[in-house]
């Protein structure tokens, strides 16, 4: 059984998580404080000299934010 967690991410965290899907050359500068929070939540990781999205981060991104669900409803 896998545990599902709801992440209450800030808009900046959602933006960076979405940006991590892009190739490193296509990304703008990343706010290091926000990135560190995503790394602490295991939604992102450092690989070499740049950040990458983790499988957990990809899953959270695909599920989306419950707050966004409310807006769409």
C-alpha atoms as a PDB file:
ATOM      1  CA  UNK A   1       0.000   0.000   0.000  1.00  0.00           C
ATOM      2  CA  UNK A   2       1.376   3.425  -0.885  1.00  0.00           C
ATOM      3  CA  UNK A   3       0.707   6.476   1.209  1.00  0.00           C
ATOM      4  CA  UNK A   4      -0.708   9.478  -0.642  1.00  0.00           C
ATOM      5  CA  UNK A   5       0.237  12.896   0.660  1.00  0.00           C
ATOM      6  CA  UNK A   6      -1.425  16.187  -0.135  1.00  0.00           C
ATOM      7  CA  UNK A   7       1.084  18.950  -0.574  1.00  0.00           C
ATOM      8  CA  UNK A   8      -0.014  22.496   0.138  1.00  0.00           C
ATOM      9  CA  UNK A   9       2.526  24.144  -2.138  1.00  0.00           C
ATOM     10  CA  UNK A  10       2.800  27.864  -2.726  1.00  0.00           C
ATOM     11  CA  UNK A  11       2.292  29.244  -6.241  1.00  0.00           C
ATOM     12  CA  UNK A  12       6.082  29.755  -6.482  1.00  0.00           C
ATOM     13  CA  UNK A  13       6.680  26.112  -5.585  1.00  0.00           C
ATOM     14  CA  UNK A  14       4.176  24.966  -8.226  1.00  0.00           C
ATOM     15  CA  UNK A  15       5.860  27.195 -10.822  1.00  0.00           C
ATOM     16  CA  UNK A  16       9.318  25.810 -10.083  1.00  0.00           C
ATOM     17  CA  UNK A  17       8.039  22.236 -10.030  1.00  0.00           C
ATOM     18  CA  UNK A  18       6.504  22.799 -13.479  1.00  0.00           C
ATOM     19  CA  UNK A  19       9.718  24.459 -14.715  1.00  0.00           C
ATOM     20  CA  UNK A  20      11.795  21.449 -13.664  1.00  0.00           C
ATOM     21  CA  UNK A  21      10.109  19.450 -16.428  1.00  0.00           C
ATOM     22  CA  UNK A  22      11.907  21.604 -18.996  1.00  0.00           C
ATOM     23  CA  UNK A  23      15.484  20.991 -20.151  1.00  0.00           C
ATOM     24  CA  UNK A  24      18.040  22.909 -18.065  1.00  0.00           C
ATOM     25  CA  UNK A  25      18.884  25.238 -20.968  1.00  0.00           C
ATOM     26  CA  UNK A  26      15.226  26.333 -21.278  1.00  0.00           C
ATOM     27  CA  UNK A  27      14.747  27.214 -17.588  1.00  0.00           C
ATOM     28  CA  UNK A  28      14.893  30.686 -16.117  1.00  0.00           C
ATOM     29  CA  UNK A  29      16.698  31.360 -12.847  1.00  0.00           C
ATOM     30  CA  UNK A  30      15.292  29.332  -9.971  1.00  0.00           C
ATOM     31  CA  UNK A  31      14.644  30.787  -6.520  1.00  0.00           C
ATOM     32  CA  UNK A  32      17.055  28.794  -4.348  1.00  0.00           C
ATOM     33  CA  UNK A  33      14.929  29.116  -1.169  1.00  0.00           C
ATOM     34  CA  UNK A  34      11.856  27.705  -2.924  1.00  0.00           C
ATOM     35  CA  UNK A  35      13.954  24.975  -4.552  1.00  0.00           C
ATOM     36  CA  UNK A  36      15.403  23.995  -1.154  1.00  0.00           C
ATOM     37  CA  UNK A  37      11.853  23.526   0.195  1.00  0.00           C
ATOM     38  CA  UNK A  38      10.988  21.270  -2.767  1.00  0.00           C
ATOM     39  CA  UNK A  39      14.157  19.262  -2.131  1.00  0.00           C
ATOM     40  CA  UNK A  40      13.227  18.925   1.559  1.00  0.00           C
ATOM     41  CA  UNK A  41       9.824  17.555   0.484  1.00  0.00           C
ATOM     42  CA  UNK A  42      11.616  15.130  -1.902  1.00  0.00           C
ATOM     43  CA  UNK A  43       9.801  16.648  -4.881  1.00  0.00           C
ATOM     44  CA  UNK A  44      13.065  17.822  -6.442  1.00  0.00           C
ATOM     45  CA  UNK A  45      16.714  16.823  -6.168  1.00  0.00           C
ATOM     46  CA  UNK A  46      20.104  18.090  -7.232  1.00  0.00           C
ATOM     47  CA  UNK A  47      21.696  16.060 -10.005  1.00  0.00           C
ATOM     48  CA  UNK A  48      25.154  17.223 -10.976  1.00  0.00           C
ATOM     49  CA  UNK A  49      25.013  20.997 -11.000  1.00  0.00           C
ATOM     50  CA  UNK A  50      21.287  21.458 -11.559  1.00  0.00           C
ATOM     51  CA  UNK A  51      17.913  20.597 -10.060  1.00  0.00           C
ATOM     52  CA  UNK A  52      15.677  17.839 -11.417  1.00  0.00           C
ATOM     53  CA  UNK A  53      12.139  16.743 -10.650  1.00  0.00           C
ATOM     54  CA  UNK A  54      11.861  13.465  -8.736  1.00  0.00           C
ATOM     55  CA  UNK A  55       9.324  10.725  -9.463  1.00  0.00           C
ATOM     56  CA  UNK A  56       7.375  11.876  -6.384  1.00  0.00           C
ATOM     57  CA  UNK A  57       7.471  15.462  -7.670  1.00  0.00           C
ATOM     58  CA  UNK A  58       6.191  14.341 -11.063  1.00  0.00           C
ATOM     59  CA  UNK A  59       3.344  12.447  -9.376  1.00  0.00           C
ATOM     60  CA  UNK A  60       2.387  15.481  -7.260  1.00  0.00           C
ATOM     61  CA  UNK A  61       2.530  17.703 -10.332  1.00  0.00           C
ATOM     62  CA  UNK A  62       0.290  15.373 -12.327  1.00  0.00           C
ATOM     63  CA  UNK A  63      -2.248  15.183  -9.497  1.00  0.00           C
ATOM     64  CA  UNK A  64      -2.238  18.952  -9.116  1.00  0.00           C
ATOM     65  CA  UNK A  65      -3.206  21.158  -6.242  1.00  0.00           C
ATOM     66  CA  UNK A  66      -6.512  20.703  -4.434  1.00  0.00           C
ATOM     67  CA  UNK A  67      -6.729  24.520  -4.421  1.00  0.00           C
ATOM     68  CA  UNK A  68      -6.550  24.454  -8.226  1.00  0.00           C
ATOM     69  CA  UNK A  69      -9.340  21.886  -8.321  1.00  0.00           C
ATOM     70  CA  UNK A  70     -11.557  24.316  -6.408  1.00  0.00           C
ATOM     71  CA  UNK A  71     -10.857  27.078  -8.937  1.00  0.00           C
ATOM     72  CA  UNK A  72     -11.706  24.786 -11.862  1.00  0.00           C
ATOM     73  CA  UNK A  73     -14.971  23.613 -10.297  1.00  0.00           C
END
